[in-house]
C-alpha atoms as a PDB file:
ATOM      1  CA  MET A   1      20.126 -11.828  -3.209  1.00  0.00           C
ATOM      2  CA  ASP A   2      20.500  -9.637  -0.111  1.00  0.00           C
ATOM      3  CA  LEU A   3      18.808  -6.339  -0.930  1.00  0.00           C
ATOM      4  CA  PHE A   4      19.237  -4.796   2.495  1.00  0.00           C
ATOM      5  CA  SER A   5      21.998  -2.710   4.001  1.00  0.00           C
ATOM      6  CA  GLU A   6      20.857  -1.768   7.539  1.00  0.00           C
ATOM      7  CA  GLU A   7      17.905  -1.648   9.947  1.00  0.00           C
ATOM      8  CA  LYS A   8      16.292   1.013   7.802  1.00  0.00           C
ATOM      9  CA  ARG A   9      16.731  -1.155   4.775  1.00  0.00           C
ATOM     10  CA  HIS A  10      17.505   0.495   1.442  1.00  0.00           C
ATOM     11  CA  PHE A  11      16.923  -1.670  -1.605  1.00  0.00           C
ATOM     12  CA  ASN A  12      19.712  -1.594  -4.171  1.00  0.00           C
ATOM     13  CA  LEU A  13      17.613  -1.754  -7.350  1.00  0.00           C
ATOM     14  CA  PRO A  14      17.619  -0.185 -10.835  1.00  0.00           C
ATOM     15  CA  ASN A  15      15.039   2.560 -11.494  1.00  0.00           C
ATOM     16  CA  ALA A  16      13.711   2.536  -7.936  1.00  0.00           C
ATOM     17  CA  GLU A  17      14.108   4.059  -4.497  1.00  0.00           C
ATOM     18  CA  LEU A  18      12.731   1.692  -1.888  1.00  0.00           C
ATOM     19  CA  ILE A  19      13.078   1.786   1.910  1.00  0.00           C
ATOM     20  CA  TYR A  20      11.713  -0.807   4.350  1.00  0.00           C
ATOM     21  CA  ILE A  21      11.402  -0.246   8.109  1.00  0.00           C
ATOM     22  CA  GLU A  22      10.326  -3.512   9.720  1.00  0.00           C
ATOM     23  CA  ASN A  23       9.293  -2.090  13.104  1.00  0.00           C
ATOM     24  CA  PHE A  24       8.041   1.383  12.240  1.00  0.00           C
ATOM     25  CA  TYR A  25       5.325   0.903  14.875  1.00  0.00           C
ATOM     26  CA  ASP A  26       5.914  -1.370  17.847  1.00  0.00           C
ATOM     27  CA  GLY A  27       3.526  -4.245  18.531  1.00  0.00           C
ATOM     28  CA  ALA A  28       1.234  -2.369  20.920  1.00  0.00           C
ATOM     29  CA  LYS A  29       0.774   0.657  18.653  1.00  0.00           C
ATOM     30  CA  ALA A  30       0.311  -1.541  15.571  1.00  0.00           C
ATOM     31  CA  ASP A  31      -2.320  -3.592  17.444  1.00  0.00           C
ATOM     32  CA  TYR A  32      -4.125  -0.400  18.481  1.00  0.00           C
ATOM     33  CA  TYR A  33      -4.266   0.994  14.964  1.00  0.00           C
ATOM     34  CA  PHE A  34      -5.317  -2.334  13.446  1.00  0.00           C
ATOM     35  CA  ASP A  35      -8.239  -2.721  15.863  1.00  0.00           C
ATOM     36  CA  ILE A  36      -9.535   0.821  15.583  1.00  0.00           C
ATOM     37  CA  LEU A  37      -9.187   1.042  11.805  1.00  0.00           C
ATOM     38  CA  LYS A  38     -10.981  -2.237  11.260  1.00  0.00           C
ATOM     39  CA  LYS A  39     -13.900  -0.981  13.369  1.00  0.00           C
ATOM     40  CA  THR A  40     -14.146   2.657  12.265  1.00  0.00           C
ATOM     41  CA  ILE A  41     -13.179   2.756   8.579  1.00  0.00           C
ATOM     42  CA  ASP A  42     -16.059   2.859   6.095  1.00  0.00           C
ATOM     43  CA  TRP A  43     -15.013  -0.257   4.161  1.00  0.00           C
ATOM     44  CA  GLN A  44     -16.512  -0.978   0.742  1.00  0.00           C
ATOM     45  CA  GLN A  45     -16.225  -3.655  -1.937  1.00  0.00           C
ATOM     46  CA  ASP A  46     -16.317  -2.268  -5.472  1.00  0.00           C
ATOM     47  CA  ASP A  47     -16.903  -4.091  -8.721  1.00  0.00           C
ATOM     48  CA  ILE A  48     -13.898  -4.382 -11.016  1.00  0.00           C
ATOM     49  CA  THR A  49     -13.995  -5.242 -14.736  1.00  0.00           C
ATOM     50  CA  ILE A  50     -11.193  -7.332 -16.202  1.00  0.00           C
ATOM     51  CA  TYR A  51     -11.202  -8.374 -19.857  1.00  0.00           C
ATOM     52  CA  GLY A  52     -14.897  -7.567 -20.169  1.00  0.00           C
ATOM     53  CA  LYS A  53     -15.964  -9.517 -17.080  1.00  0.00           C
ATOM     54  CA  THR A  54     -17.071  -7.852 -13.840  1.00  0.00           C
ATOM     55  CA  TYR A  55     -16.159  -9.217 -10.430  1.00  0.00           C
ATOM     56  CA  LYS A  56     -16.198  -8.097  -6.829  1.00  0.00           C
ATOM     57  CA  GLN A  57     -12.761  -6.797  -5.874  1.00  0.00           C
ATOM     58  CA  PRO A  58     -10.951  -9.484  -3.846  1.00  0.00           C
ATOM     59  CA  ARG A  59     -10.493  -7.158  -0.844  1.00  0.00           C
ATOM     60  CA  LEU A  60     -12.262  -4.280   0.904  1.00  0.00           C
ATOM     61  CA  THR A  61     -11.133  -0.702   0.308  1.00  0.00           C
ATOM     62  CA  ALA A  62     -11.619   2.873   1.510  1.00  0.00           C
ATOM     63  CA  LEU A  63     -10.295   6.306   0.535  1.00  0.00           C
ATOM     64  CA  TYR A  64      -9.657   9.138   2.995  1.00  0.00           C
ATOM     65  CA  ALA A  65      -8.134  12.563   2.347  1.00  0.00           C
ATOM     66  CA  ASN A  66      -7.748  16.112   3.568  1.00  0.00           C
ATOM     67  CA  ASN A  67      -9.555  17.324   0.427  1.00  0.00           C
ATOM     68  CA  SER A  68     -12.403  16.251  -1.872  1.00  0.00           C
ATOM     69  CA  LYS A  69     -10.292  14.949  -4.773  1.00  0.00           C
ATOM     70  CA  PRO A  70     -11.445  11.540  -6.060  1.00  0.00           C
ATOM     71  CA  TYR A  71      -8.993   8.781  -6.934  1.00  0.00           C
ATOM     72  CA  SER A  72      -9.413   6.508  -9.957  1.00  0.00           C
ATOM     73  CA  TYR A  73      -7.806   3.175 -10.830  1.00  0.00           C
ATOM     74  CA  SER A  74      -8.898   0.141 -12.887  1.00  0.00           C
ATOM     75  CA  ASN A  75     -12.082   1.974 -13.971  1.00  0.00           C
ATOM     76  CA  ILE A  76     -13.034   2.543 -10.318  1.00  0.00           C
ATOM     77  CA  THR A  77     -13.476   6.093  -9.028  1.00  0.00           C
ATOM     78  CA  MET A  78     -13.444   6.507  -5.267  1.00  0.00           C
ATOM     79  CA  GLN A  79     -14.710   9.553  -3.392  1.00  0.00           C
ATOM     80  CA  PRO A  80     -12.781  10.360  -0.201  1.00  0.00           C
ATOM     81  CA  SER A  81     -13.975  10.715   3.345  1.00  0.00           C
ATOM     82  CA  ILE A  82     -12.223  13.197   5.640  1.00  0.00           C
ATOM     83  CA  PHE A  83      -9.255  11.850   7.594  1.00  0.00           C
ATOM     84  CA  THR A  84     -10.125  10.411  10.981  1.00  0.00           C
ATOM     85  CA  SER A  85      -7.979  11.511  13.926  1.00  0.00           C
ATOM     86  CA  GLU A  86      -6.112   8.175  13.799  1.00  0.00           C
ATOM     87  CA  LEU A  87      -5.395   8.476  10.079  1.00  0.00           C
ATOM     88  CA  GLN A  88      -4.255  12.059  10.581  1.00  0.00           C
ATOM     89  CA  GLN A  89      -1.768  10.956  13.235  1.00  0.00           C
ATOM     90  CA  ILE A  90      -0.456   8.121  11.063  1.00  0.00           C
ATOM     91  CA  LYS A  91      -0.088  10.583   8.189  1.00  0.00           C
ATOM     92  CA  LEU A  92       1.985  12.927  10.353  1.00  0.00           C
ATOM     93  CA  ASP A  93       4.221  10.038  11.473  1.00  0.00           C
ATOM     94  CA  LEU A  94       4.803   8.920   7.874  1.00  0.00           C
ATOM     95  CA  GLU A  95       5.420  12.468   6.677  1.00  0.00           C
ATOM     96  CA  GLN A  96       8.095  12.937   9.317  1.00  0.00           C
ATOM     97  CA  GLU A  97       9.796   9.673   8.337  1.00  0.00           C
ATOM     98  CA  SER A  98       9.572  10.176   4.564  1.00  0.00           C
ATOM     99  CA  ASN A  99      10.053  13.961   4.495  1.00  0.00           C
ATOM    100  CA  HIS A 100       7.072  14.197   2.154  1.00  0.00           C
ATOM    101  CA  LYS A 101       3.557  15.650   2.489  1.00  0.00           C
ATOM    102  CA  PHE A 102       0.597  13.368   1.734  1.00  0.00           C
ATOM    103  CA  THR A 103      -2.988  14.323   0.909  1.00  0.00           C
ATOM    104  CA  SER A 104      -4.760  10.949   0.653  1.00  0.00           C
ATOM    105  CA  VAL A 105      -4.682   7.362   1.819  1.00  0.00           C
ATOM    106  CA  LEU A 106      -6.063   4.288   0.078  1.00  0.00           C
ATOM    107  CA  LEU A 107      -6.778   1.524   2.600  1.00  0.00           C
ATOM    108  CA  ASN A 108      -7.064  -2.172   1.776  1.00  0.00           C
ATOM    109  CA  LEU A 109      -8.480  -4.856   4.067  1.00  0.00           C
ATOM    110  CA  TYR A 110      -7.357  -8.365   3.143  1.00  0.00           C
ATOM    111  CA  ARG A 111      -9.761 -10.651   4.993  1.00  0.00           C
ATOM    112  CA  ASN A 112      -7.909 -13.931   4.344  1.00  0.00           C
ATOM    113  CA  GLY A 113      -5.573 -15.575   1.848  1.00  0.00           C
ATOM    114  CA  ASN A 114      -8.189 -15.409  -0.915  1.00  0.00           C
ATOM    115  CA  ASP A 115      -8.015 -11.606  -0.912  1.00  0.00           C
ATOM    116  CA  SER A 116      -5.330 -10.158  -3.161  1.00  0.00           C
ATOM    117  CA  ASN A 117      -4.134  -7.297  -5.337  1.00  0.00           C
ATOM    118  CA  CYS A 118      -2.906  -8.302  -8.802  1.00  0.00           C
ATOM    119  CA  TRP A 119       0.153  -6.964 -10.653  1.00  0.00           C
ATOM    120  CA  HIS A 120      -0.046  -3.181 -10.982  1.00  0.00           C
ATOM    121  CA  ALA A 121       1.809   0.105 -10.553  1.00  0.00           C
ATOM    122  CA  ASP A 122       0.645   3.213  -8.747  1.00  0.00           C
ATOM    123  CA  ASN A 123       1.124   5.349 -11.846  1.00  0.00           C
ATOM    124  CA  GLU A 124      -2.231   7.094 -12.241  1.00  0.00           C
ATOM    125  CA  THR A 125      -2.092  10.566 -13.795  1.00  0.00           C
ATOM    126  CA  GLU A 126      -3.305  12.322 -10.648  1.00  0.00           C
ATOM    127  CA  LEU A 127      -0.241  11.038  -8.738  1.00  0.00           C
ATOM    128  CA  GLY A 128       2.126  12.979 -11.003  1.00  0.00           C
ATOM    129  CA  LYS A 129       5.642  12.011 -12.084  1.00  0.00           C
ATOM    130  CA  ASN A 130       7.708   9.845  -9.722  1.00  0.00           C
ATOM    131  CA  PRO A 131       5.128   9.683  -6.908  1.00  0.00           C
ATOM    132  CA  VAL A 132       6.076   8.930  -3.310  1.00  0.00           C
ATOM    133  CA  ILE A 133       3.978   6.088  -1.840  1.00  0.00           C
ATOM    134  CA  ALA A 134       4.241   5.255   1.864  1.00  0.00           C
ATOM    135  CA  SER A 135       2.751   1.835   2.619  1.00  0.00           C
ATOM    136  CA  LEU A 136       1.992   0.841   6.224  1.00  0.00           C
ATOM    137  CA  SER A 137       1.110  -2.791   6.994  1.00  0.00           C
ATOM    138  CA  LEU A 138      -0.953  -3.938   9.984  1.00  0.00           C
ATOM    139  CA  GLY A 139      -2.065  -7.467  10.836  1.00  0.00           C
ATOM    140  CA  ALA A 140      -1.069 -10.704   9.152  1.00  0.00           C
ATOM    141  CA  THR A 141       2.230 -10.829   7.263  1.00  0.00           C
ATOM    142  CA  ARG A 142       1.823 -10.969   3.478  1.00  0.00           C
ATOM    143  CA  PRO A 143       4.552 -11.261   0.809  1.00  0.00           C
ATOM    144  CA  PHE A 144       5.022  -8.193  -1.388  1.00  0.00           C
ATOM    145  CA  HIS A 145       6.172  -9.272  -4.853  1.00  0.00           C
ATOM    146  CA  PHE A 146       7.712  -6.801  -7.257  1.00  0.00           C
ATOM    147  CA  LYS A 147       9.278  -7.116 -10.706  1.00  0.00           C
ATOM    148  CA  HIS A 148      10.919  -4.827 -13.254  1.00  0.00           C
ATOM    149  CA  ARG A 149       8.960  -4.255 -16.449  1.00  0.00           C
ATOM    150  CA  ASP A 150      12.021  -4.641 -18.703  1.00  0.00           C
ATOM    151  CA  ILE A 151      14.744  -6.522 -16.783  1.00  0.00           C
ATOM    152  CA  LYS A 152      13.722 -10.178 -16.631  1.00  0.00           C
ATOM    153  CA  ASP A 153      15.879 -11.214 -13.662  1.00  0.00           C
ATOM    154  CA  GLU A 154      14.786  -8.314 -11.431  1.00  0.00           C
ATOM    155  CA  ARG A 155      12.043 -10.085  -9.458  1.00  0.00           C
ATOM    156  CA  HIS A 156      11.931  -9.887  -5.660  1.00  0.00           C
ATOM    157  CA  LYS A 157       9.794 -10.551  -2.612  1.00  0.00           C
ATOM    158  CA  ILE A 158       9.678  -9.124   0.881  1.00  0.00           C
ATOM    159  CA  ASN A 159       7.418 -10.090   3.782  1.00  0.00           C
ATOM    160  CA  LEU A 160       5.500  -7.053   5.029  1.00  0.00           C
ATOM    161  CA  ASN A 161       5.150  -7.532   8.773  1.00  0.00           C
ATOM    162  CA  HIS A 162       2.759  -6.075  11.358  1.00  0.00           C
ATOM    163  CA  GLY A 163       3.742  -2.437  11.965  1.00  0.00           C
ATOM    164  CA  SER A 164       6.156  -2.220   9.028  1.00  0.00           C
ATOM    165  CA  LEU A 165       6.571   0.682   6.600  1.00  0.00           C
ATOM    166  CA  LEU A 166       7.582   0.496   2.946  1.00  0.00           C
ATOM    167  CA  VAL A 167       8.357   3.756   1.127  1.00  0.00           C
ATOM    168  CA  MET A 168       8.455   3.700  -2.677  1.00  0.00           C
ATOM    169  CA  ARG A 169       9.758   6.713  -4.568  1.00  0.00           C
ATOM    170  CA  GLY A 170      11.775   7.786  -7.603  1.00  0.00           C
ATOM    171  CA  GLU A 171      11.020   6.025 -10.890  1.00  0.00           C
ATOM    172  CA  MET A 172       9.652   2.864  -9.282  1.00  0.00           C
ATOM    173  CA  GLN A 173       6.023   3.244 -10.379  1.00  0.00           C
ATOM    174  CA  HIS A 174       7.113   3.676 -14.005  1.00  0.00           C
ATOM    175  CA  TYR A 175       9.518   0.722 -14.186  1.00  0.00           C
ATOM    176  CA  TRP A 176       8.207  -1.776 -11.627  1.00  0.00           C
ATOM    177  CA  LEU A 177       5.002  -3.727 -10.968  1.00  0.00           C
ATOM    178  CA  HIS A 178       3.965  -5.085  -7.569  1.00  0.00           C
ATOM    179  CA  GLN A 179       1.307  -7.398  -6.136  1.00  0.00           C
ATOM    180  CA  ILE A 180      -0.108  -9.100  -3.055  1.00  0.00           C
ATOM    181  CA  ALA A 181      -0.821 -12.608  -4.329  1.00  0.00           C
ATOM    182  CA  LYS A 182      -3.487 -15.049  -3.178  1.00  0.00           C
ATOM    183  CA  THR A 183      -2.337 -17.820  -0.855  1.00  0.00           C
ATOM    184  CA  LYS A 184      -3.813 -21.109   0.322  1.00  0.00           C
ATOM    185  CA  LYS A 185      -2.203 -20.641   3.725  1.00  0.00           C
ATOM    186  CA  ASP A 186      -4.545 -20.108   6.658  1.00  0.00           C
ATOM    187  CA  ILE A 187      -3.706 -16.482   7.458  1.00  0.00           C
ATOM    188  CA  GLY A 188      -5.485 -13.716   9.315  1.00  0.00           C
ATOM    189  CA  GLU A 189      -6.640 -10.265   8.330  1.00  0.00           C
ATOM    190  CA  ARG A 190      -4.307  -7.541   7.092  1.00  0.00           C
ATOM    191  CA  ILE A 191      -4.867  -3.806   6.716  1.00  0.00           C
ATOM    192  CA  ASN A 192      -2.624  -1.874   4.337  1.00  0.00           C
ATOM    193  CA  LEU A 193      -2.559   1.931   4.191  1.00  0.00           C
ATOM    194  CA  THR A 194      -0.948   3.510   1.119  1.00  0.00           C
ATOM    195  CA  PHE A 195      -0.466   7.223   1.602  1.00  0.00           C
ATOM    196  CA  ARG A 196      -0.063   9.296  -1.541  1.00  0.00           C
ATOM    197  CA  THR A 197      -0.275  12.859  -2.867  1.00  0.00           C
ATOM    198  CA  LEU A 198      -2.991  13.695  -5.391  1.00  0.00           C
ATOM    199  CA  LEU A 199      -2.246  16.647  -7.664  1.00  0.00           C
END
């Protein structure tokens, strides 16, 4: 099924507004941001409890913001650091593209194919109703899987490339789940930045 209509690709999906820009940043700028973020971000690996068992999260994370509001998901509460100059510039670029103001960014560092993010929605209370999530991908290409909660045949995949931007808005976080699955392929590191607005 061809979900795309043009270079700025709008997905034609029920209960979702989804836009994908494959080359939001060109190769040189994407390389620059990947290298500096990997070196300067205060990466951490939290414990996560699933069905009563506690594991190390299968990726590294960090939270940055222009305020002191914490962000909680999966029984993990993260305290933000103040935006770096690079994150502030990325935020401004994404705000101009999405026409939306962001306050926080959750960063994920996928070190190899064993790192993942299981099925979930960004529907935490502090994000409010119909949140706008702007997701920037840097580094190795990883498939982004998403499926409708109620419509069985609405399952899709898109490869998130180096320098690409995915904007999710509307009812998507209420009706859809998404994941970055594990893979046995020999792939490199990927940094994902998900900008959001905490109420």
